[in-house]
PDB file of N, CA and C in Angstrom:
ATOM      1  N   UNK A   1       5.820 -17.703   8.452  1.00  0.00           N
ATOM      2  CA  UNK A   1       6.594 -16.334   8.093  1.00  0.00           C
ATOM      3  C   UNK A   1       6.828 -16.186   6.390  1.00  0.00           C
ATOM      4  N   UNK A   2       6.439 -15.301   6.050  1.00  0.00           N
ATOM      5  CA  UNK A   2       6.752 -15.108   4.640  1.00  0.00           C
ATOM      6  C   UNK A   2       8.050 -13.718   4.796  1.00  0.00           C
ATOM      7  N   UNK A   3       8.905 -13.890   3.901  1.00  0.00           N
ATOM      8  CA  UNK A   3       9.951 -13.071   3.444  1.00  0.00           C
ATOM      9  C   UNK A   3       9.685 -12.277   2.351  1.00  0.00           C
ATOM     10  N   UNK A   4       9.635 -11.090   2.330  1.00  0.00           N
ATOM     11  CA  UNK A   4       9.192 -10.162   1.207  1.00  0.00           C
ATOM     12  C   UNK A   4      10.463  -9.228   0.855  1.00  0.00           C
ATOM     13  N   UNK A   5      10.742  -9.193  -0.757  1.00  0.00           N
ATOM     14  CA  UNK A   5      11.674  -8.037  -1.100  1.00  0.00           C
ATOM     15  C   UNK A   5      10.733  -6.863  -1.548  1.00  0.00           C
ATOM     16  N   UNK A   6      11.102  -5.687  -1.361  1.00  0.00           N
ATOM     17  CA  UNK A   6       9.898  -4.760  -1.766  1.00  0.00           C
ATOM     18  C   UNK A   6      10.860  -3.841  -2.764  1.00  0.00           C
ATOM     19  N   UNK A   7       9.927  -3.324  -3.836  1.00  0.00           N
ATOM     20  CA  UNK A   7      10.270  -2.243  -4.752  1.00  0.00           C
ATOM     21  C   UNK A   7       9.294  -0.937  -4.213  1.00  0.00           C
ATOM     22  N   UNK A   8       9.467   0.098  -3.569  1.00  0.00           N
ATOM     23  CA  UNK A   8       8.794   1.033  -3.355  1.00  0.00           C
ATOM     24  C   UNK A   8       8.948   2.176  -4.488  1.00  0.00           C
ATOM     25  N   UNK A   9       7.481   2.941  -4.597  1.00  0.00           N
ATOM     26  CA  UNK A   9       7.621   3.881  -5.639  1.00  0.00           C
ATOM     27  C   UNK A   9       8.112   3.040  -6.744  1.00  0.00           C
ATOM     28  N   UNK A  10       7.769   1.702  -7.260  1.00  0.00           N
ATOM     29  CA  UNK A  10       7.986   1.532  -8.357  1.00  0.00           C
ATOM     30  C   UNK A  10       7.545   2.046  -9.829  1.00  0.00           C
ATOM     31  N   UNK A  11       8.287   1.683 -10.715  1.00  0.00           N
ATOM     32  CA  UNK A  11       7.735   2.458 -11.999  1.00  0.00           C
ATOM     33  C   UNK A  11       6.703   1.620 -12.729  1.00  0.00           C
ATOM     34  N   UNK A  12       5.829   1.047 -11.989  1.00  0.00           N
ATOM     35  CA  UNK A  12       4.667   0.227 -12.704  1.00  0.00           C
ATOM     36  C   UNK A  12       3.322   1.257 -12.527  1.00  0.00           C
ATOM     37  N   UNK A  13       2.313   0.787 -13.214  1.00  0.00           N
ATOM     38  CA  UNK A  13       1.059   1.228 -13.108  1.00  0.00           C
ATOM     39  C   UNK A  13       0.290   1.116 -12.069  1.00  0.00           C
ATOM     40  N   UNK A  14       0.534  -0.044 -11.671  1.00  0.00           N
ATOM     41  CA  UNK A  14      -0.135  -0.825 -10.314  1.00  0.00           C
ATOM     42  C   UNK A  14       0.693  -1.780  -9.744  1.00  0.00           C
ATOM     43  N   UNK A  15       0.334  -1.893  -8.270  1.00  0.00           N
ATOM     44  CA  UNK A  15       0.817  -2.890  -7.412  1.00  0.00           C
ATOM     45  C   UNK A  15       0.799  -4.345  -8.015  1.00  0.00           C
ATOM     46  N   UNK A  16       1.917  -4.894  -7.968  1.00  0.00           N
ATOM     47  CA  UNK A  16       2.229  -6.515  -8.151  1.00  0.00           C
ATOM     48  C   UNK A  16       2.755  -6.941  -7.165  1.00  0.00           C
ATOM     49  N   UNK A  17       2.681  -8.475  -7.161  1.00  0.00           N
ATOM     50  CA  UNK A  17       3.280  -9.352  -6.258  1.00  0.00           C
ATOM     51  C   UNK A  17       3.608 -10.579  -7.104  1.00  0.00           C
ATOM     52  N   UNK A  18       4.764 -11.218  -6.998  1.00  0.00           N
ATOM     53  CA  UNK A  18       5.238 -12.316  -7.504  1.00  0.00           C
ATOM     54  C   UNK A  18       5.465 -13.285  -6.521  1.00  0.00           C
ATOM     55  N   UNK A  19       5.285 -14.369  -6.709  1.00  0.00           N
ATOM     56  CA  UNK A  19       5.818 -15.570  -5.687  1.00  0.00           C
ATOM     57  C   UNK A  19       7.117 -16.048  -6.303  1.00  0.00           C
ATOM     58  N   UNK A  20       8.287 -15.849  -5.669  1.00  0.00           N
ATOM     59  CA  UNK A  20       9.723 -16.550  -5.890  1.00  0.00           C
ATOM     60  C   UNK A  20       9.904 -18.054  -5.345  1.00  0.00           C
ATOM     61  N   UNK A  21       9.230 -18.022  -4.337  1.00  0.00           N
ATOM     62  CA  UNK A  21       9.574 -19.470  -3.365  1.00  0.00           C
ATOM     63  C   UNK A  21       8.343 -19.591  -2.724  1.00  0.00           C
ATOM     64  N   UNK A  22       8.367 -20.618  -1.987  1.00  0.00           N
ATOM     65  CA  UNK A  22       7.386 -20.794  -1.149  1.00  0.00           C
ATOM     66  C   UNK A  22       7.032 -19.934  -0.018  1.00  0.00           C
ATOM     67  N   UNK A  23       7.820 -19.317   0.656  1.00  0.00           N
ATOM     68  CA  UNK A  23       7.970 -18.172   1.590  1.00  0.00           C
ATOM     69  C   UNK A  23       8.443 -16.927   1.255  1.00  0.00           C
ATOM     70  N   UNK A  24       8.919 -16.568  -0.136  1.00  0.00           N
ATOM     71  CA  UNK A  24       9.312 -15.756  -0.607  1.00  0.00           C
ATOM     72  C   UNK A  24       8.685 -14.563  -1.668  1.00  0.00           C
ATOM     73  N   UNK A  25       8.603 -13.488  -1.403  1.00  0.00           N
ATOM     74  CA  UNK A  25       7.739 -12.848  -2.495  1.00  0.00           C
ATOM     75  C   UNK A  25       8.477 -11.617  -3.029  1.00  0.00           C
ATOM     76  N   UNK A  26       8.094 -11.121  -4.166  1.00  0.00           N
ATOM     77  CA  UNK A  26       8.712  -9.686  -4.538  1.00  0.00           C
ATOM     78  C   UNK A  26       7.576  -9.034  -4.781  1.00  0.00           C
ATOM     79  N   UNK A  27       7.630  -7.818  -4.280  1.00  0.00           N
ATOM     80  CA  UNK A  27       6.409  -6.779  -4.365  1.00  0.00           C
ATOM     81  C   UNK A  27       6.730  -5.604  -4.796  1.00  0.00           C
ATOM     82  N   UNK A  28       5.917  -5.122  -5.812  1.00  0.00           N
ATOM     83  CA  UNK A  28       6.043  -3.771  -6.379  1.00  0.00           C
ATOM     84  C   UNK A  28       5.031  -2.821  -5.899  1.00  0.00           C
ATOM     85  N   UNK A  29       5.099  -1.953  -5.140  1.00  0.00           N
ATOM     86  CA  UNK A  29       4.094  -0.755  -4.905  1.00  0.00           C
ATOM     87  C   UNK A  29       4.272   0.585  -5.462  1.00  0.00           C
ATOM     88  N   UNK A  30       3.398   1.144  -5.817  1.00  0.00           N
ATOM     89  CA  UNK A  30       3.412   2.566  -6.167  1.00  0.00           C
ATOM     90  C   UNK A  30       3.352   3.511  -5.096  1.00  0.00           C
ATOM     91  N   UNK A  31       3.135   3.214  -3.785  1.00  0.00           N
ATOM     92  CA  UNK A  31       3.094   3.995  -2.530  1.00  0.00           C
ATOM     93  C   UNK A  31       4.450   4.528  -2.314  1.00  0.00           C
ATOM     94  N   UNK A  32       4.552   5.528  -1.892  1.00  0.00           N
ATOM     95  CA  UNK A  32       6.035   6.132  -1.045  1.00  0.00           C
ATOM     96  C   UNK A  32       6.422   5.388   0.264  1.00  0.00           C
ATOM     97  N   UNK A  33       7.490   5.175   0.652  1.00  0.00           N
ATOM     98  CA  UNK A  33       7.731   4.551   1.838  1.00  0.00           C
ATOM     99  C   UNK A  33       7.683   5.782   2.969  1.00  0.00           C
ATOM    100  N   UNK A  34       6.768   6.222   3.009  1.00  0.00           N
ATOM    101  CA  UNK A  34       6.598   7.379   3.986  1.00  0.00           C
ATOM    102  C   UNK A  34       5.437   6.866   5.095  1.00  0.00           C
ATOM    103  N   UNK A  35       5.699   7.049   6.351  1.00  0.00           N
ATOM    104  CA  UNK A  35       4.696   6.952   7.394  1.00  0.00           C
ATOM    105  C   UNK A  35       3.966   5.555   7.269  1.00  0.00           C
ATOM    106  N   UNK A  36       4.967   4.545   6.744  1.00  0.00           N
ATOM    107  CA  UNK A  36       4.283   3.365   6.723  1.00  0.00           C
ATOM    108  C   UNK A  36       3.218   2.909   5.806  1.00  0.00           C
ATOM    109  N   UNK A  37       3.082   3.894   4.635  1.00  0.00           N
ATOM    110  CA  UNK A  37       2.120   3.761   3.579  1.00  0.00           C
ATOM    111  C   UNK A  37       2.498   2.513   2.672  1.00  0.00           C
ATOM    112  N   UNK A  38       3.713   2.108   2.407  1.00  0.00           N
ATOM    113  CA  UNK A  38       4.160   1.244   1.602  1.00  0.00           C
ATOM    114  C   UNK A  38       3.936  -0.181   2.250  1.00  0.00           C
ATOM    115  N   UNK A  39       4.263  -0.225   3.763  1.00  0.00           N
ATOM    116  CA  UNK A  39       4.076  -1.326   4.267  1.00  0.00           C
ATOM    117  C   UNK A  39       2.694  -1.778   4.562  1.00  0.00           C
ATOM    118  N   UNK A  40       1.790  -0.924   4.788  1.00  0.00           N
ATOM    119  CA  UNK A  40       0.294  -1.371   4.857  1.00  0.00           C
ATOM    120  C   UNK A  40      -0.157  -1.933   3.465  1.00  0.00           C
ATOM    121  N   UNK A  41       0.099  -1.158   2.431  1.00  0.00           N
ATOM    122  CA  UNK A  41       0.024  -1.536   1.053  1.00  0.00           C
ATOM    123  C   UNK A  41       0.661  -3.327   0.763  1.00  0.00           C
ATOM    124  N   UNK A  42       1.752  -3.086   1.398  1.00  0.00           N
ATOM    125  CA  UNK A  42       2.398  -4.687   1.194  1.00  0.00           C
ATOM    126  C   UNK A  42       1.470  -5.675   1.801  1.00  0.00           C
ATOM    127  N   UNK A  43       1.242  -5.075   3.051  1.00  0.00           N
ATOM    128  CA  UNK A  43       0.489  -6.258   4.106  1.00  0.00           C
ATOM    129  C   UNK A  43      -1.039  -6.673   3.457  1.00  0.00           C
ATOM    130  N   UNK A  44      -1.434  -5.429   2.661  1.00  0.00           N
ATOM    131  CA  UNK A  44      -2.864  -6.041   2.215  1.00  0.00           C
ATOM    132  C   UNK A  44      -2.647  -6.675   0.652  1.00  0.00           C
ATOM    133  N   UNK A  45      -1.571  -6.536   0.215  1.00  0.00           N
ATOM    134  CA  UNK A  45      -1.657  -7.251  -1.256  1.00  0.00           C
ATOM    135  C   UNK A  45      -1.142  -8.592  -0.631  1.00  0.00           C
ATOM    136  N   UNK A  46      -0.585  -8.794   0.675  1.00  0.00           N
ATOM    137  CA  UNK A  46      -0.064 -10.102   0.988  1.00  0.00           C
ATOM    138  C   UNK A  46      -1.186 -10.935   1.530  1.00  0.00           C
ATOM    139  N   UNK A  47      -2.101 -10.213   2.064  1.00  0.00           N
ATOM    140  CA  UNK A  47      -3.331 -10.838   2.539  1.00  0.00           C
ATOM    141  C   UNK A  47      -4.150 -11.172   1.377  1.00  0.00           C
ATOM    142  N   UNK A  48      -4.369 -10.663   0.344  1.00  0.00           N
ATOM    143  CA  UNK A  48      -4.942 -11.093  -0.725  1.00  0.00           C
ATOM    144  C   UNK A  48      -4.591 -12.151  -1.308  1.00  0.00           C
ATOM    145  N   UNK A  49      -3.247 -12.234  -1.685  1.00  0.00           N
ATOM    146  CA  UNK A  49      -2.597 -13.419  -2.159  1.00  0.00           C
ATOM    147  C   UNK A  49      -2.769 -14.615  -1.326  1.00  0.00           C
ATOM    148  N   UNK A  50      -2.687 -14.323   0.206  1.00  0.00           N
ATOM    149  CA  UNK A  50      -2.796 -15.699   0.644  1.00  0.00           C
ATOM    150  C   UNK A  50      -4.159 -15.900   1.023  1.00  0.00           C
ATOM    151  N   UNK A  51      -5.090 -15.368   0.850  1.00  0.00           N
ATOM    152  CA  UNK A  51      -6.311 -15.360   1.159  1.00  0.00           C
ATOM    153  C   UNK A  51      -7.030 -15.406   2.421  1.00  0.00           C
ATOM    154  N   UNK A  52      -6.491 -14.777   3.106  1.00  0.00           N
ATOM    155  CA  UNK A  52      -6.542 -14.464   4.440  1.00  0.00           C
ATOM    156  C   UNK A  52      -6.917 -12.977   5.242  1.00  0.00           C
ATOM    157  N   UNK A  53      -7.288 -12.870   6.291  1.00  0.00           N
ATOM    158  CA  UNK A  53      -7.509 -11.442   6.735  1.00  0.00           C
ATOM    159  C   UNK A  53      -6.545 -10.714   6.951  1.00  0.00           C
ATOM    160  N   UNK A  54      -6.810  -9.455   6.453  1.00  0.00           N
ATOM    161  CA  UNK A  54      -5.479  -8.161   6.408  1.00  0.00           C
ATOM    162  C   UNK A  54      -4.944  -8.239   8.033  1.00  0.00           C
ATOM    163  N   UNK A  55      -5.982  -8.418   8.985  1.00  0.00           N
ATOM    164  CA  UNK A  55      -5.215  -8.312  10.560  1.00  0.00           C
ATOM    165  C   UNK A  55      -4.632  -9.465  10.860  1.00  0.00           C
ATOM    166  N   UNK A  56      -4.357 -10.369  10.018  1.00  0.00           N
ATOM    167  CA  UNK A  56      -3.995 -11.781  10.546  1.00  0.00           C
ATOM    168  C   UNK A  56      -2.387 -11.614  10.225  1.00  0.00           C
ATOM    169  N   UNK A  57      -1.823 -10.747   9.436  1.00  0.00           N
ATOM    170  CA  UNK A  57      -0.468 -10.590   8.953  1.00  0.00           C
ATOM    171  C   UNK A  57       0.117  -9.361   9.663  1.00  0.00           C
ATOM    172  N   UNK A  58       1.304  -9.643  10.434  1.00  0.00           N
ATOM    173  CA  UNK A  58       2.008  -8.643  11.282  1.00  0.00           C
ATOM    174  C   UNK A  58       3.360  -8.392  10.614  1.00  0.00           C
ATOM    175  N   UNK A  59       3.980  -7.314  10.765  1.00  0.00           N
ATOM    176  CA  UNK A  59       5.110  -7.033  10.095  1.00  0.00           C
ATOM    177  C   UNK A  59       6.078  -7.259  11.080  1.00  0.00           C
ATOM    178  N   UNK A  60       6.925  -8.246  11.108  1.00  0.00           N
ATOM    179  CA  UNK A  60       7.921  -8.472  12.346  1.00  0.00           C
ATOM    180  C   UNK A  60       9.113  -7.631  12.251  1.00  0.00           C
ATOM    181  N   UNK A  61       9.649  -7.830  11.062  1.00  0.00           N
ATOM    182  CA  UNK A  61      11.191  -7.023  10.763  1.00  0.00           C
ATOM    183  C   UNK A  61      11.250  -6.282   9.468  1.00  0.00           C
ATOM    184  N   UNK A  62      12.157  -5.171   9.230  1.00  0.00           N
ATOM    185  CA  UNK A  62      12.167  -4.816   7.935  1.00  0.00           C
ATOM    186  C   UNK A  62      11.341  -3.237   7.799  1.00  0.00           C
ATOM    187  N   UNK A  63      10.967  -2.842   9.171  1.00  0.00           N
ATOM    188  CA  UNK A  63      10.110  -1.515   8.987  1.00  0.00           C
ATOM    189  C   UNK A  63      10.683  -0.495   8.100  1.00  0.00           C
ATOM    190  N   UNK A  64      11.891  -0.301   8.099  1.00  0.00           N
ATOM    191  CA  UNK A  64      12.386   0.458   7.277  1.00  0.00           C
ATOM    192  C   UNK A  64      13.587   0.002   6.020  1.00  0.00           C
ATOM    193  N   UNK A  65      13.264  -0.984   5.673  1.00  0.00           N
ATOM    194  CA  UNK A  65      14.190  -1.952   4.752  1.00  0.00           C
ATOM    195  C   UNK A  65      13.463  -2.771   3.742  1.00  0.00           C
ATOM    196  N   UNK A  66      14.036  -2.834   2.614  1.00  0.00           N
ATOM    197  CA  UNK A  66      13.616  -3.129   1.717  1.00  0.00           C
ATOM    198  C   UNK A  66      12.820  -4.852   1.678  1.00  0.00           C
ATOM    199  N   UNK A  67      13.851  -5.239   2.649  1.00  0.00           N
ATOM    200  CA  UNK A  67      13.794  -6.979   2.957  1.00  0.00           C
ATOM    201  C   UNK A  67      12.814  -6.786   4.266  1.00  0.00           C
ATOM    202  N   UNK A  68      11.775  -7.527   3.974  1.00  0.00           N
ATOM    203  CA  UNK A  68      10.723  -7.497   5.310  1.00  0.00           C
ATOM    204  C   UNK A  68      10.557  -9.029   5.858  1.00  0.00           C
ATOM    205  N   UNK A  69       9.904  -9.055   6.972  1.00  0.00           N
ATOM    206  CA  UNK A  69       9.601 -10.332   7.122  1.00  0.00           C
ATOM    207  C   UNK A  69       8.217 -10.256   7.916  1.00  0.00           C
ATOM    208  N   UNK A  70       7.324 -10.894   7.519  1.00  0.00           N
ATOM    209  CA  UNK A  70       5.837 -11.029   7.981  1.00  0.00           C
ATOM    210  C   UNK A  70       5.673 -12.160   8.719  1.00  0.00           C
ATOM    211  N   UNK A  71       4.687 -12.094   9.878  1.00  0.00           N
ATOM    212  CA  UNK A  71       4.316 -13.193  10.079  1.00  0.00           C
ATOM    213  C   UNK A  71       2.726 -13.640  10.011  1.00  0.00           C
ATOM    214  N   UNK A  72       2.507 -14.678   9.959  1.00  0.00           N
ATOM    215  CA  UNK A  72       0.925 -14.907   9.556  1.00  0.00           C
ATOM    216  C   UNK A  72       0.325 -15.467  10.934  1.00  0.00           C
ATOM    217  N   UNK A  73      -0.667 -14.777  11.776  1.00  0.00           N
ATOM    218  CA  UNK A  73      -1.121 -15.285  12.866  1.00  0.00           C
ATOM    219  C   UNK A  73      -2.429 -16.206  12.698  1.00  0.00           C
ATOM    220  N   UNK A  74      -2.346 -17.088  13.110  1.00  0.00           N
ATOM    221  CA  UNK A  74      -3.352 -18.178  12.539  1.00  0.00           C
ATOM    222  C   UNK A  74      -4.830 -18.025  13.865  1.00  0.00           C
TER     223      UNK A  74
END
């Protein structure tokens, strides 16, 4: 499981991900938190960071929260 703290609509030019701990990430996305767009962007960024398929990651908790919990399906 990976914990993620999100900054949606971040005032950055492009998306970024920073590893704070073994299972804790800070993610800044430019997407708006509407209709799951930001969650999908975060999921794809996390997959790239972990070098696994996008479909192997599932959002477990925090659909409408800044703090999210993703599960890695091996």
